């Protein structure tokens, strides 16, 4: 009778151990893999006025916004920038 009780306890604990190992193996956290290449995560936008130019970089994954600012006073007579030869 003692050996039968001992065998039942032994097999019960063995079954519990195997069951816990199986549960631990199947509950591993899933890793998310992004299909977006890292070069496509950041998006650039620009705006300018007469004396300043702002460039915004937006991270499309995290929503982070980075502002880059430049100041210029004279570009010459390049009318594409809205300046004449006098810098106005």
C-alpha atoms as a PDB file:
ATOM      1  CA  UNK A   1       0.000   0.000   0.000  1.00  0.00           C
ATOM      2  CA  UNK A   2       2.846   2.380   0.802  1.00  0.00           C
ATOM      3  CA  UNK A   3       4.525   1.846  -2.548  1.00  0.00           C
ATOM      4  CA  UNK A   4       1.266   2.478  -4.388  1.00  0.00           C
ATOM      5  CA  UNK A   5       0.774   5.806  -2.554  1.00  0.00           C
ATOM      6  CA  UNK A   6       4.387   6.725  -3.183  1.00  0.00           C
ATOM      7  CA  UNK A   7       4.046   5.910  -6.894  1.00  0.00           C
ATOM      8  CA  UNK A   8       0.869   7.986  -7.164  1.00  0.00           C
ATOM      9  CA  UNK A   9       2.575  10.971  -5.532  1.00  0.00           C
ATOM     10  CA  UNK A  10       5.675  10.566  -7.676  1.00  0.00           C
ATOM     11  CA  UNK A  11       3.684  10.387 -10.930  1.00  0.00           C
ATOM     12  CA  UNK A  12       1.452  13.282  -9.840  1.00  0.00           C
ATOM     13  CA  UNK A  13       4.438  15.537  -9.218  1.00  0.00           C
ATOM     14  CA  UNK A  14       6.030  14.381 -12.473  1.00  0.00           C
ATOM     15  CA  UNK A  15       2.826  15.235 -14.362  1.00  0.00           C
ATOM     16  CA  UNK A  16       2.664  18.640 -12.673  1.00  0.00           C
ATOM     17  CA  UNK A  17       6.311  19.299 -13.614  1.00  0.00           C
ATOM     18  CA  UNK A  18       5.799  18.287 -17.252  1.00  0.00           C
ATOM     19  CA  UNK A  19       2.637  20.386 -17.407  1.00  0.00           C
ATOM     20  CA  UNK A  20       4.379  23.459 -15.998  1.00  0.00           C
ATOM     21  CA  UNK A  21       7.271  23.069 -18.456  1.00  0.00           C
ATOM     22  CA  UNK A  22       4.804  22.822 -21.341  1.00  0.00           C
ATOM     23  CA  UNK A  23       2.930  25.946 -20.189  1.00  0.00           C
ATOM     24  CA  UNK A  24       6.168  27.883 -19.725  1.00  0.00           C
ATOM     25  CA  UNK A  25       7.328  26.966 -23.231  1.00  0.00           C
ATOM     26  CA  UNK A  26       4.079  28.019 -24.913  1.00  0.00           C
ATOM     27  CA  UNK A  27       3.596  31.313 -23.019  1.00  0.00           C
ATOM     28  CA  UNK A  28       6.785  32.953 -24.242  1.00  0.00           C
ATOM     29  CA  UNK A  29       6.245  36.616 -25.183  1.00  0.00           C
ATOM     30  CA  UNK A  30       5.810  37.219 -28.871  1.00  0.00           C
ATOM     31  CA  UNK A  31       8.292  39.552 -30.488  1.00  0.00           C
ATOM     32  CA  UNK A  32       6.839  42.119 -32.836  1.00  0.00           C
ATOM     33  CA  UNK A  33       8.773  42.478 -36.040  1.00  0.00           C
ATOM     34  CA  UNK A  34       8.311  45.706 -37.925  1.00  0.00           C
ATOM     35  CA  UNK A  35       7.988  45.356 -41.677  1.00  0.00           C
ATOM     36  CA  UNK A  36       8.856  49.037 -42.198  1.00  0.00           C
ATOM     37  CA  UNK A  37      12.531  49.603 -43.042  1.00  0.00           C
ATOM     38  CA  UNK A  38      14.263  51.980 -40.639  1.00  0.00           C
ATOM     39  CA  UNK A  39      14.924  54.415 -43.480  1.00  0.00           C
ATOM     40  CA  UNK A  40      11.153  54.859 -43.940  1.00  0.00           C
ATOM     41  CA  UNK A  41      10.389  55.561 -40.280  1.00  0.00           C
ATOM     42  CA  UNK A  42      11.360  59.271 -40.352  1.00  0.00           C
ATOM     43  CA  UNK A  43       9.468  61.723 -42.550  1.00  0.00           C
ATOM     44  CA  UNK A  44      10.749  65.263 -43.253  1.00  0.00           C
ATOM     45  CA  UNK A  45       8.629  68.412 -43.719  1.00  0.00           C
ATOM     46  CA  UNK A  46       9.862  71.971 -44.192  1.00  0.00           C
ATOM     47  CA  UNK A  47       8.514  75.499 -43.954  1.00  0.00           C
ATOM     48  CA  UNK A  48      10.162  78.904 -44.257  1.00  0.00           C
ATOM     49  CA  UNK A  49       9.603  82.630 -43.939  1.00  0.00           C
ATOM     50  CA  UNK A  50      11.761  85.567 -45.020  1.00  0.00           C
ATOM     51  CA  UNK A  51      14.446  85.026 -42.390  1.00  0.00           C
ATOM     52  CA  UNK A  52      14.019  81.531 -40.990  1.00  0.00           C
ATOM     53  CA  UNK A  53      13.595  78.029 -42.253  1.00  0.00           C
ATOM     54  CA  UNK A  54      12.218  75.161 -40.190  1.00  0.00           C
ATOM     55  CA  UNK A  55      12.527  71.483 -40.958  1.00  0.00           C
ATOM     56  CA  UNK A  56      10.508  68.957 -38.981  1.00  0.00           C
ATOM     57  CA  UNK A  57      11.389  65.276 -38.768  1.00  0.00           C
ATOM     58  CA  UNK A  58       8.494  63.065 -37.698  1.00  0.00           C
ATOM     59  CA  UNK A  59       8.988  59.500 -36.499  1.00  0.00           C
ATOM     60  CA  UNK A  60       5.996  57.582 -37.889  1.00  0.00           C
ATOM     61  CA  UNK A  61       6.401  54.743 -35.380  1.00  0.00           C
ATOM     62  CA  UNK A  62       6.751  56.614 -32.078  1.00  0.00           C
ATOM     63  CA  UNK A  63       5.261  60.005 -33.031  1.00  0.00           C
ATOM     64  CA  UNK A  64       8.425  61.842 -31.978  1.00  0.00           C
ATOM     65  CA  UNK A  65       8.857  65.258 -33.658  1.00  0.00           C
ATOM     66  CA  UNK A  66      12.281  66.896 -34.027  1.00  0.00           C
ATOM     67  CA  UNK A  67      12.537  70.531 -35.137  1.00  0.00           C
ATOM     68  CA  UNK A  68      15.589  71.762 -37.045  1.00  0.00           C
ATOM     69  CA  UNK A  69      15.929  75.522 -37.420  1.00  0.00           C
ATOM     70  CA  UNK A  70      18.265  77.542 -39.618  1.00  0.00           C
ATOM     71  CA  UNK A  71      18.669  81.284 -39.968  1.00  0.00           C
ATOM     72  CA  UNK A  72      19.937  82.981 -43.061  1.00  0.00           C
ATOM     73  CA  UNK A  73      20.278  86.658 -43.885  1.00  0.00           C
ATOM     74  CA  UNK A  74      21.456  86.794 -47.486  1.00  0.00           C
ATOM     75  CA  UNK A  75      21.442  84.253 -50.247  1.00  0.00           C
ATOM     76  CA  UNK A  76      22.236  86.624 -53.070  1.00  0.00           C
ATOM     77  CA  UNK A  77      19.987  87.432 -55.981  1.00  0.00           C
ATOM     78  CA  UNK A  78      18.393  83.996 -56.130  1.00  0.00           C
ATOM     79  CA  UNK A  79      14.704  84.797 -56.537  1.00  0.00           C
ATOM     80  CA  UNK A  80      13.769  81.194 -55.756  1.00  0.00           C
ATOM     81  CA  UNK A  81      14.388  82.022 -52.094  1.00  0.00           C
ATOM     82  CA  UNK A  82      12.387  85.260 -52.184  1.00  0.00           C
ATOM     83  CA  UNK A  83      15.440  87.526 -51.891  1.00  0.00           C
ATOM     84  CA  UNK A  84      16.708  90.252 -54.150  1.00  0.00           C
ATOM     85  CA  UNK A  85      20.293  91.463 -54.482  1.00  0.00           C
ATOM     86  CA  UNK A  86      19.962  93.574 -51.308  1.00  0.00           C
ATOM     87  CA  UNK A  87      18.953  90.752 -49.033  1.00  0.00           C
ATOM     88  CA  UNK A  88      15.319  91.861 -48.671  1.00  0.00           C
END
